[in-house]
Amino acid sequence: MTQELIDLRNSIMAGRYQEALAIVDDLEWMSKKATLRNIKSYLVRMIAHLIKNKVEQRLTNYWAASIGYSVIEIQDLNLMDNKKSHYIKQDEWDSFLENAFKDAILSASGEVSNGVYKPS
């Protein structure tokens, strides 16, 4: 990102505003992508704990705390700085959850019942 900021400064100083706006767009996308990656990470962790809870029919204090913390972090990360918009819109959650669920199955399968389950 440092190089992008240097390029942005140089574009502005040289009066190349279209180029500067393109760099700003790239920086916004990089920021959004990082936020979405963080949301997915918390979502995968939460779903993995829910899978373990369902399969093992038990809920440890750690799993419960992690699930609760993940929900709070997902809500916080998904809310844009303007506090009015969300990174993941209501109609986009299904596909986002589906992708996170696949990763959570991989994660949970290695942990549930000492790894006796395969991801399939």
Protein backbone atom coordinates (compact mmCIF):
# COMPACT_ATOMS: atom_id res chain seq x y z
CA MET A 1 0.00 0.00 0.00
CA THR A 2 2.96 2.30 0.55
CA GLN A 3 3.75 2.31 -3.17
CA GLU A 4 0.15 3.17 -3.97
CA LEU A 5 0.30 6.17 -1.64
CA ILE A 6 3.54 7.35 -3.25
CA ASP A 7 1.95 6.95 -6.70
CA LEU A 8 -1.14 8.82 -5.51
CA ARG A 9 0.95 11.73 -4.22
CA ASN A 10 2.95 11.87 -7.45
CA SER A 11 -0.20 11.78 -9.58
CA ILE A 12 -1.77 14.62 -7.62
CA MET A 13 1.39 16.70 -7.67
CA ALA A 14 1.65 16.20 -11.45
CA GLY A 15 -2.01 17.08 -11.99
CA ARG A 16 -2.90 13.60 -13.26
CA TYR A 17 -6.23 13.50 -11.45
CA GLN A 18 -7.81 10.63 -13.39
CA GLU A 19 -4.80 8.49 -12.53
CA ALA A 20 -5.06 9.62 -8.90
CA LEU A 21 -8.75 8.68 -8.78
CA ALA A 22 -7.95 5.24 -10.20
CA ILE A 23 -5.39 4.75 -7.42
CA VAL A 24 -7.98 5.84 -4.84
CA ASP A 25 -10.39 3.25 -6.27
CA ASP A 26 -7.69 0.57 -5.95
CA LEU A 27 -7.00 1.59 -2.34
CA GLU A 28 -10.71 1.44 -1.52
CA TRP A 29 -10.95 -2.04 -3.04
CA MET A 30 -7.89 -3.21 -1.09
CA SER A 31 -9.44 -1.93 2.12
CA LYS A 32 -12.79 -3.58 1.38
CA LYS A 33 -11.09 -6.86 0.50
CA ALA A 34 -9.19 -6.84 3.80
CA THR A 35 -12.40 -6.16 5.72
CA LEU A 36 -14.23 -8.97 3.92
CA ARG A 37 -11.33 -11.32 4.66
CA ASN A 38 -11.57 -10.46 8.36
CA ILE A 39 -15.34 -10.97 8.38
CA LYS A 40 -14.90 -14.36 6.72
CA SER A 41 -12.27 -15.36 9.28
CA TYR A 42 -14.62 -14.66 12.19
CA LEU A 43 -17.48 -16.34 10.35
CA VAL A 44 -15.46 -19.49 9.71
CA ARG A 45 -14.40 -19.64 13.36
CA MET A 46 -17.99 -19.18 14.54
CA ILE A 47 -19.42 -21.80 12.18
CA ALA A 48 -16.67 -24.28 13.06
CA HIS A 49 -17.57 -23.97 16.75
CA LEU A 50 -21.26 -24.39 15.94
CA ILE A 51 -20.48 -27.53 13.93
CA LYS A 52 -18.42 -28.94 16.80
CA ASN A 53 -21.23 -28.11 19.20
CA LYS A 54 -23.80 -29.88 17.04
CA VAL A 55 -21.71 -33.00 16.39
CA GLU A 56 -20.31 -33.43 19.88
CA GLN A 57 -23.53 -32.35 21.64
CA ARG A 58 -21.57 -30.14 24.02
CA LEU A 59 -20.62 -26.48 24.29
CA THR A 60 -17.40 -25.48 26.00
CA ASN A 61 -17.01 -22.07 27.60
CA TYR A 62 -14.34 -21.27 25.02
CA TRP A 63 -16.61 -22.15 22.09
CA ALA A 64 -19.47 -20.10 23.54
CA ALA A 65 -17.21 -17.10 24.13
CA SER A 66 -15.69 -17.41 20.67
CA ILE A 67 -19.11 -17.63 19.01
CA GLY A 68 -20.34 -14.54 20.87
CA TYR A 69 -17.16 -12.59 20.17
CA SER A 70 -17.31 -13.57 16.48
CA VAL A 71 -20.87 -12.29 16.15
CA ILE A 72 -19.88 -8.95 17.69
CA GLU A 73 -16.80 -8.62 15.48
CA ILE A 74 -18.72 -9.55 12.31
CA GLN A 75 -21.35 -6.92 13.09
CA ASP A 76 -18.70 -4.31 13.84
CA LEU A 77 -16.55 -5.07 10.79
CA ASN A 78 -19.51 -5.21 8.42
CA LEU A 79 -20.67 -1.70 9.33
CA MET A 80 -18.98 0.88 7.14
CA ASP A 81 -17.44 4.00 8.64
CA ASN A 82 -20.49 6.07 7.75
CA LYS A 83 -22.50 3.81 10.14
CA LYS A 84 -25.27 3.57 7.54
CA SER A 85 -23.99 1.05 4.99
CA HIS A 86 -22.66 -2.47 5.17
CA TYR A 87 -19.83 -4.19 3.33
CA ILE A 88 -21.94 -7.33 2.92
CA LYS A 89 -25.45 -6.42 1.88
CA GLN A 90 -28.50 -8.40 2.99
CA ASP A 91 -28.84 -10.18 -0.36
CA GLU A 92 -25.14 -11.15 -0.45
CA TRP A 93 -25.00 -13.16 2.77
CA ASP A 94 -26.11 -16.49 1.29
CA SER A 95 -23.11 -16.87 -1.01
CA PHE A 96 -20.76 -15.45 1.61
CA LEU A 97 -22.05 -17.94 4.20
CA GLU A 98 -21.78 -20.82 1.74
CA ASN A 99 -18.10 -20.10 1.13
CA ALA A 100 -17.39 -19.68 4.84
CA PHE A 101 -19.29 -22.88 5.63
CA LYS A 102 -17.04 -24.90 3.31
CA ASP A 103 -13.95 -23.58 5.09
CA ALA A 104 -15.54 -24.15 8.51
CA ILE A 105 -16.23 -27.79 7.65
CA LEU A 106 -12.55 -28.25 6.81
CA SER A 107 -11.56 -26.65 10.09
CA ALA A 108 -14.08 -28.48 12.27
CA SER A 109 -13.52 -31.89 10.69
CA GLY A 110 -9.99 -32.00 12.02
CA GLU A 111 -11.10 -31.12 15.53
CA VAL A 112 -14.42 -32.89 16.08
CA SER A 113 -14.13 -36.19 17.92
CA ASN A 114 -10.34 -36.15 17.66
CA GLY A 115 -10.38 -35.84 13.88
CA VAL A 116 -12.35 -38.98 13.02
CA TYR A 117 -14.52 -37.12 10.47
CA LYS A 118 -13.47 -36.22 6.95
CA PRO A 119 -14.58 -32.91 5.42
CA SER A 120 -16.86 -34.77 3.02
